[in-house]
Amino acid sequence: MNRREDRILDEFLAASAQAGDRAALSALARRFERRLLAHAFRLVGDAEAARDVAQEAWLDIARGVRRLDDSAAFPAFAFRIVTRRAADWVRRARKTRAGVAAFAAEPAAPAAGAESMEVMATRPALAAALAALPTEQRAAIALFYLEDLSVAEIAAALCVPAGTVKTRLMAAREKLKTALGAAKEKEHEQA
């Protein structure tokens, strides 16, 4: 199935879910589960927390799908809910860390296998470059290239203006280009 057919199927399932079809909502959950989990991980940086965020988001998605104006907007709607839930989690985590100085001084360790949620293991330089991006840029680049969302859909998903999305994409591309160029140069030096 190509991306266009995927979008049509998602739109059909969203329209059916809006009409109250629980099987369609279940099908949407199966189709979007990994994508929304990966988005949550990109935002919170912790695999366990990402699972919690995605699970909470699915409750909101199930409750809110009937209020969705346009079934074609389901991907942006779902990613926006995950973004908001992740922001809530980050705020709570910051408050918790503020009370424990020792914990706040230590950076969060990446979860084992985190890169596998972002890119295939066969591209370690790309995985490292993506991991080094600031959260906002990493989220924008992943939604654009991995989830095939438009700039407008990303803006809706991240609750920012389209111009901000374009700026984040441009900055992320420049940083990736620099990081991958340096990795390629280092690879040539070692050969």
Protein backbone atom coordinates (compact mmCIF):
# COMPACT_ATOMS: atom_id res chain seq x y z
CA MET A 1 0.00 0.00 0.00
CA ASN A 2 1.45 3.39 -0.95
CA ARG A 3 1.28 6.52 1.18
CA ARG A 4 -1.73 7.91 -0.68
CA GLU A 5 -3.69 4.70 -0.14
CA ASP A 6 -2.65 4.74 3.53
CA ARG A 7 -3.99 8.27 3.89
CA ILE A 8 -7.29 7.30 2.25
CA LEU A 9 -7.65 4.28 4.54
CA ASP A 10 -6.85 6.41 7.60
CA GLU A 11 -9.43 8.98 6.51
CA PHE A 12 -12.06 6.27 6.00
CA LEU A 13 -11.33 4.72 9.39
CA ALA A 14 -11.45 8.14 11.07
CA ALA A 15 -14.80 8.92 9.45
CA SER A 16 -16.13 5.54 10.58
CA ALA A 17 -14.81 6.11 14.10
CA GLN A 18 -16.51 9.52 14.13
CA ALA A 19 -19.76 7.72 13.35
CA GLY A 20 -19.25 5.49 16.39
CA ASP A 21 -17.68 2.42 14.76
CA ARG A 22 -15.53 0.89 17.52
CA ALA A 23 -13.87 -1.54 15.10
CA ALA A 24 -12.69 1.42 13.00
CA LEU A 25 -11.27 3.11 16.10
CA SER A 26 -9.47 -0.12 16.99
CA ALA A 27 -8.08 -0.32 13.46
CA LEU A 28 -6.86 3.29 13.74
CA ALA A 29 -5.23 2.44 17.06
CA ARG A 30 -3.38 -0.48 15.48
CA ARG A 31 -2.28 1.64 12.52
CA PHE A 32 -1.09 4.61 14.62
CA GLU A 33 0.12 2.91 17.80
CA ARG A 34 3.82 2.67 16.88
CA ARG A 35 3.87 6.07 15.18
CA LEU A 36 2.37 7.86 18.17
CA LEU A 37 4.61 5.95 20.57
CA ALA A 38 7.67 6.99 18.56
CA HIS A 39 6.47 10.61 18.58
CA ALA A 40 5.96 10.47 22.35
CA PHE A 41 9.45 9.05 22.78
CA ARG A 42 10.96 11.80 20.64
CA LEU A 43 9.32 14.35 22.92
CA VAL A 44 9.93 12.85 26.37
CA GLY A 45 13.11 10.83 25.76
CA ASP A 46 12.09 7.97 28.05
CA ALA A 47 10.60 4.72 26.72
CA GLU A 48 8.42 3.98 29.76
CA ALA A 49 7.13 7.54 29.95
CA ALA A 50 6.46 7.47 26.19
CA ARG A 51 4.25 4.40 26.65
CA ASP A 52 2.33 6.18 29.41
CA VAL A 53 1.97 9.34 27.32
CA ALA A 54 0.76 7.39 24.28
CA GLN A 55 -1.73 5.42 26.37
CA GLU A 56 -3.15 8.60 27.93
CA ALA A 57 -3.30 10.19 24.50
CA TRP A 58 -5.31 7.27 23.10
CA LEU A 59 -7.93 7.83 25.79
CA ASP A 60 -8.20 11.46 24.68
CA ILE A 61 -8.24 10.46 21.01
CA ALA A 62 -11.04 7.96 21.58
CA ARG A 63 -13.07 10.57 23.47
CA GLY A 64 -12.42 13.36 20.97
CA VAL A 65 -12.60 11.65 17.59
CA ARG A 66 -16.34 12.35 17.28
CA ARG A 67 -15.68 16.09 17.61
CA LEU A 68 -13.12 16.05 14.79
CA ASP A 69 -14.35 18.34 12.00
CA ASP A 70 -12.47 16.70 9.13
CA SER A 71 -11.55 13.01 9.10
CA ALA A 72 -8.55 13.83 6.88
CA ALA A 73 -7.13 15.80 9.81
CA PHE A 74 -6.96 12.71 12.04
CA PRO A 75 -3.13 12.32 11.89
CA ALA A 76 -2.54 15.94 12.94
CA PHE A 77 -5.28 15.60 15.59
CA ALA A 78 -3.68 12.45 17.05
CA PHE A 79 -0.11 13.82 16.99
CA ARG A 80 -1.32 17.08 18.60
CA ILE A 81 -2.88 15.15 21.49
CA VAL A 82 0.35 13.19 21.99
CA THR A 83 2.30 16.47 21.89
CA ARG A 84 0.08 17.98 24.59
CA ARG A 85 0.26 14.89 26.78
CA ALA A 86 4.06 14.83 26.39
CA ALA A 87 4.25 18.51 27.34
CA ASP A 88 2.21 17.74 30.47
CA TRP A 89 4.59 14.88 31.32
CA VAL A 90 7.64 17.11 30.80
CA ARG A 91 6.16 19.81 33.06
CA ARG A 92 5.45 17.25 35.79
CA ALA A 93 8.94 15.77 35.43
CA ARG A 94 10.52 19.22 35.73
CA LYS A 95 8.60 19.94 38.92
CA THR A 96 9.64 16.58 40.35
CA ARG A 97 13.28 17.12 39.42
CA ALA A 98 13.29 20.62 40.88
CA GLY A 99 12.64 19.08 44.29
CA VAL A 100 15.48 16.58 44.00
CA ALA A 101 18.70 18.43 43.20
CA ALA A 102 20.82 15.31 42.71
CA PHE A 103 18.39 13.90 40.19
CA ALA A 104 18.20 17.21 38.32
CA ALA A 105 21.98 17.37 38.02
CA GLU A 106 22.15 14.08 36.13
CA PRO A 107 21.08 14.01 32.49
CA ALA A 108 18.47 11.43 31.58
CA ALA A 109 20.07 8.34 30.12
CA PRO A 110 18.70 7.27 26.75
CA ALA A 111 16.65 4.09 26.88
CA ALA A 112 18.16 0.93 25.42
CA GLY A 113 17.09 0.59 21.82
CA ALA A 114 15.97 4.21 21.58
CA GLU A 115 17.51 4.63 18.16
CA SER A 116 15.41 1.76 16.83
CA MET A 117 12.34 3.90 17.42
CA GLU A 118 13.85 6.69 15.35
CA VAL A 119 15.74 5.00 12.53
CA MET A 120 17.01 1.60 11.55
CA ALA A 121 20.11 0.35 13.34
CA THR A 122 21.91 0.21 10.01
CA ARG A 123 22.26 4.00 10.08
CA PRO A 124 24.08 4.79 13.32
CA ALA A 125 25.40 8.15 12.09
CA LEU A 126 21.88 9.30 11.22
CA ALA A 127 20.52 7.97 14.52
CA ALA A 128 23.22 9.87 16.43
CA ALA A 129 22.61 13.05 14.43
CA LEU A 130 18.85 12.83 15.07
CA ALA A 131 19.38 12.17 18.77
CA ALA A 132 21.60 15.25 19.01
CA LEU A 133 18.89 17.56 17.65
CA PRO A 134 16.88 19.67 20.09
CA THR A 135 13.50 18.04 20.90
CA GLU A 136 11.46 20.56 18.87
CA GLN A 137 13.58 20.08 15.75
CA ARG A 138 13.70 16.28 16.15
CA ALA A 139 9.90 16.16 16.43
CA ALA A 140 9.40 18.36 13.35
CA ILE A 141 11.89 16.44 11.21
CA ALA A 142 10.43 13.07 12.23
CA LEU A 143 6.85 14.14 11.56
CA PHE A 144 7.85 15.51 8.16
CA TYR A 145 10.05 12.67 6.93
CA LEU A 146 8.99 9.63 8.93
CA GLU A 147 5.26 10.37 9.25
CA ASP A 148 4.90 12.22 5.92
CA LEU A 149 2.88 15.06 7.46
CA SER A 150 2.65 18.41 5.70
CA VAL A 151 3.93 21.61 7.29
CA ALA A 152 0.35 22.59 8.14
CA GLU A 153 -0.31 19.20 9.75
CA ILE A 154 2.91 19.41 11.74
CA ALA A 155 1.95 22.91 12.89
CA ALA A 156 -1.38 21.54 14.11
CA ALA A 157 0.27 18.52 15.73
CA LEU A 158 2.88 20.57 17.60
CA CYS A 159 0.58 23.54 18.33
CA VAL A 160 2.91 26.06 16.68
CA PRO A 161 2.61 28.34 13.63
CA ALA A 162 3.55 26.94 10.20
CA GLY A 163 6.44 29.41 10.00
CA THR A 164 7.89 27.96 13.18
CA VAL A 165 7.70 24.47 11.69
CA LYS A 166 9.53 25.66 8.57
CA THR A 167 12.23 27.29 10.71
CA ARG A 168 12.65 24.13 12.79
CA LEU A 169 12.86 21.96 9.66
CA MET A 170 15.45 24.25 8.08
CA ALA A 171 17.57 24.36 11.23
CA ALA A 172 17.32 20.59 11.72
CA ARG A 173 18.32 19.92 8.10
CA GLU A 174 21.38 22.15 8.48
CA LYS A 175 22.43 20.43 11.71
CA LEU A 176 21.89 16.98 10.17
CA LYS A 177 23.84 17.96 7.07
CA THR A 178 26.75 19.18 9.21
CA ALA A 179 26.68 16.14 11.52
CA LEU A 180 26.44 13.64 8.68
CA GLY A 181 29.19 15.43 6.74
CA ALA A 182 31.45 15.23 9.78
CA ALA A 183 30.62 11.55 10.26
CA LYS A 184 31.37 10.81 6.60
CA GLU A 185 34.66 12.72 6.83
CA LYS A 186 35.63 10.80 9.96
CA GLU A 187 34.73 7.54 8.22
CA HIS A 188 37.03 8.41 5.29
CA GLU A 189 39.87 9.29 7.64
CA GLN A 190 39.59 5.91 9.34
CA ALA A 191 39.56 4.02 6.04
